[in-house]
Amino acid sequence: VREVEGRLQTHTPVQDDRRLASYGQFQERMNRLGDWVYISSQSLSDVTPTERQ
């Protein structure tokens, strides 16, 4: 049991760092995705309704 507890204690800070890093990457991706959706919707609105279908 002590071995497992020791592993858990040493793991937590590393996991938190990874979580923060992956969360930052996730936010960047969401921002890029939002930009892409916005740009594509803008270009779609330029297309006529018949072409959109």
N, C-alpha and C. Protein backbone atom coordinates (compact mmCIF):
# COMPACT_ATOMS: atom_id res chain seq x y z
N VAL A 1 0.85 -1.20 0.00
CA VAL A 1 0.00 0.00 0.00
C VAL A 1 0.88 1.25 0.00
N ARG A 2 1.96 1.23 0.78
CA ARG A 2 2.85 2.40 0.83
C ARG A 2 3.45 2.70 -0.54
N GLU A 3 3.80 1.65 -1.27
CA GLU A 3 4.37 1.86 -2.61
C GLU A 3 3.38 2.61 -3.50
N VAL A 4 2.13 2.17 -3.46
CA VAL A 4 1.10 2.80 -4.29
C VAL A 4 0.91 4.25 -3.88
N GLU A 5 0.85 4.51 -2.57
CA GLU A 5 0.68 5.88 -2.09
C GLU A 5 1.85 6.75 -2.54
N GLY A 6 3.07 6.22 -2.44
CA GLY A 6 4.25 6.96 -2.87
C GLY A 6 4.17 7.30 -4.35
N ARG A 7 3.75 6.32 -5.15
CA ARG A 7 3.62 6.55 -6.59
C ARG A 7 2.59 7.64 -6.86
N LEU A 8 1.46 7.56 -6.16
CA LEU A 8 0.41 8.56 -6.36
C LEU A 8 0.92 9.95 -6.02
N GLN A 9 1.66 10.07 -4.92
CA GLN A 9 2.16 11.38 -4.50
C GLN A 9 3.16 11.94 -5.51
N THR A 10 4.01 11.08 -6.06
CA THR A 10 4.99 11.57 -7.03
C THR A 10 4.32 11.86 -8.37
N HIS A 11 3.23 11.18 -8.66
CA HIS A 11 2.58 11.35 -9.96
C HIS A 11 1.78 12.65 -10.05
N THR A 12 1.12 13.04 -8.96
CA THR A 12 0.16 14.14 -9.06
C THR A 12 0.71 15.42 -9.69
N PRO A 13 1.87 15.94 -9.28
CA PRO A 13 2.31 17.21 -9.88
C PRO A 13 2.55 17.07 -11.38
N VAL A 14 3.11 15.94 -11.79
CA VAL A 14 3.37 15.71 -13.21
C VAL A 14 2.06 15.69 -13.98
N GLN A 15 1.07 14.99 -13.44
CA GLN A 15 -0.22 14.92 -14.11
C GLN A 15 -0.86 16.30 -14.21
N ASP A 16 -0.73 17.11 -13.16
CA ASP A 16 -1.29 18.46 -13.18
C ASP A 16 -0.63 19.28 -14.28
N ASP A 17 0.70 19.18 -14.39
CA ASP A 17 1.41 19.91 -15.45
C ASP A 17 0.93 19.46 -16.82
N ARG A 18 0.80 18.17 -16.99
CA ARG A 18 0.33 17.65 -18.28
C ARG A 18 -1.08 18.14 -18.56
N ARG A 19 -1.91 18.14 -17.52
CA ARG A 19 -3.29 18.59 -17.68
C ARG A 19 -3.34 20.04 -18.13
N LEU A 20 -2.51 20.88 -17.48
CA LEU A 20 -2.46 22.30 -17.85
C LEU A 20 -1.98 22.46 -19.28
N ALA A 21 -0.96 21.70 -19.66
CA ALA A 21 -0.42 21.79 -21.01
C ALA A 21 -1.46 21.35 -22.02
N SER A 22 -2.11 20.23 -21.77
CA SER A 22 -3.12 19.74 -22.70
C SER A 22 -4.31 20.67 -22.75
N TYR A 23 -4.64 21.30 -21.61
CA TYR A 23 -5.75 22.25 -21.59
C TYR A 23 -5.41 23.48 -22.44
N GLY A 24 -4.15 23.93 -22.36
CA GLY A 24 -3.72 25.05 -23.19
C GLY A 24 -3.81 24.70 -24.66
N GLN A 25 -3.35 23.50 -25.02
CA GLN A 25 -3.44 23.05 -26.41
C GLN A 25 -4.89 22.96 -26.84
N PHE A 26 -5.75 22.47 -25.93
CA PHE A 26 -7.17 22.34 -26.23
C PHE A 26 -7.78 23.71 -26.51
N GLN A 27 -7.43 24.70 -25.68
CA GLN A 27 -7.96 26.06 -25.88
C GLN A 27 -7.48 26.62 -27.22
N GLU A 28 -6.22 26.40 -27.57
CA GLU A 28 -5.70 26.87 -28.85
C GLU A 28 -6.47 26.24 -30.00
N ARG A 29 -6.71 24.93 -29.89
CA ARG A 29 -7.45 24.24 -30.95
C ARG A 29 -8.86 24.79 -31.07
N MET A 30 -9.51 25.02 -29.92
CA MET A 30 -10.88 25.54 -29.95
C MET A 30 -10.90 26.93 -30.57
N ASN A 31 -9.89 27.75 -30.26
CA ASN A 31 -9.82 29.09 -30.85
C ASN A 31 -9.65 28.99 -32.36
N ARG A 32 -8.76 28.12 -32.80
CA ARG A 32 -8.55 27.93 -34.24
C ARG A 32 -9.81 27.41 -34.89
N LEU A 33 -10.46 26.46 -34.24
CA LEU A 33 -11.70 25.90 -34.77
C LEU A 33 -12.76 26.98 -34.88
N GLY A 34 -12.86 27.83 -33.85
CA GLY A 34 -13.82 28.93 -33.88
C GLY A 34 -13.54 29.87 -35.03
N ASP A 35 -12.25 30.19 -35.24
CA ASP A 35 -11.88 31.06 -36.36
C ASP A 35 -12.28 30.41 -37.68
N TRP A 36 -11.99 29.12 -37.81
CA TRP A 36 -12.29 28.40 -39.05
C TRP A 36 -13.79 28.38 -39.32
N VAL A 37 -14.57 28.10 -38.27
CA VAL A 37 -16.03 28.08 -38.42
C VAL A 37 -16.53 29.45 -38.82
N TYR A 38 -15.99 30.49 -38.19
CA TYR A 38 -16.41 31.86 -38.51
C TYR A 38 -16.09 32.19 -39.97
N ILE A 39 -14.87 31.89 -40.39
CA ILE A 39 -14.44 32.18 -41.76
C ILE A 39 -15.28 31.40 -42.76
N SER A 40 -15.49 30.11 -42.49
CA SER A 40 -16.26 29.28 -43.43
C SER A 40 -17.71 29.74 -43.49
N SER A 41 -18.28 30.17 -42.36
CA SER A 41 -19.66 30.65 -42.37
C SER A 41 -19.75 31.98 -43.12
N GLN A 42 -18.72 32.81 -42.99
CA GLN A 42 -18.69 34.07 -43.73
C GLN A 42 -18.65 33.79 -45.24
N SER A 43 -17.82 32.85 -45.65
CA SER A 43 -17.71 32.53 -47.07
C SER A 43 -18.98 31.84 -47.55
N LEU A 44 -19.63 31.07 -46.68
CA LEU A 44 -20.89 30.43 -47.05
C LEU A 44 -21.98 31.46 -47.28
N SER A 45 -21.99 32.52 -46.47
CA SER A 45 -23.02 33.54 -46.60
C SER A 45 -22.85 34.31 -47.92
N ASP A 46 -21.63 34.30 -48.48
CA ASP A 46 -21.41 34.94 -49.78
C ASP A 46 -21.97 34.09 -50.91
N VAL A 47 -22.06 32.78 -50.68
CA VAL A 47 -22.58 31.87 -51.70
C VAL A 47 -24.10 31.98 -51.75
N THR A 48 -24.67 31.83 -52.94
CA THR A 48 -26.12 31.93 -53.08
C THR A 48 -26.79 30.71 -52.45
N PRO A 49 -28.03 30.83 -51.98
CA PRO A 49 -28.71 29.70 -51.31
C PRO A 49 -28.76 28.45 -52.17
N THR A 50 -28.92 28.58 -53.48
CA THR A 50 -29.00 27.39 -54.34
C THR A 50 -27.66 26.66 -54.35
N GLU A 51 -26.55 27.41 -54.36
CA GLU A 51 -25.24 26.79 -54.35
C GLU A 51 -24.94 26.17 -53.00
N ARG A 52 -25.50 26.75 -51.92
CA ARG A 52 -25.25 26.24 -50.58
C ARG A 52 -25.80 24.83 -50.44
N GLN A 53 -26.92 24.56 -51.05
CA GLN A 53 -27.50 23.21 -50.97
C GLN A 53 -26.66 22.28 -51.85
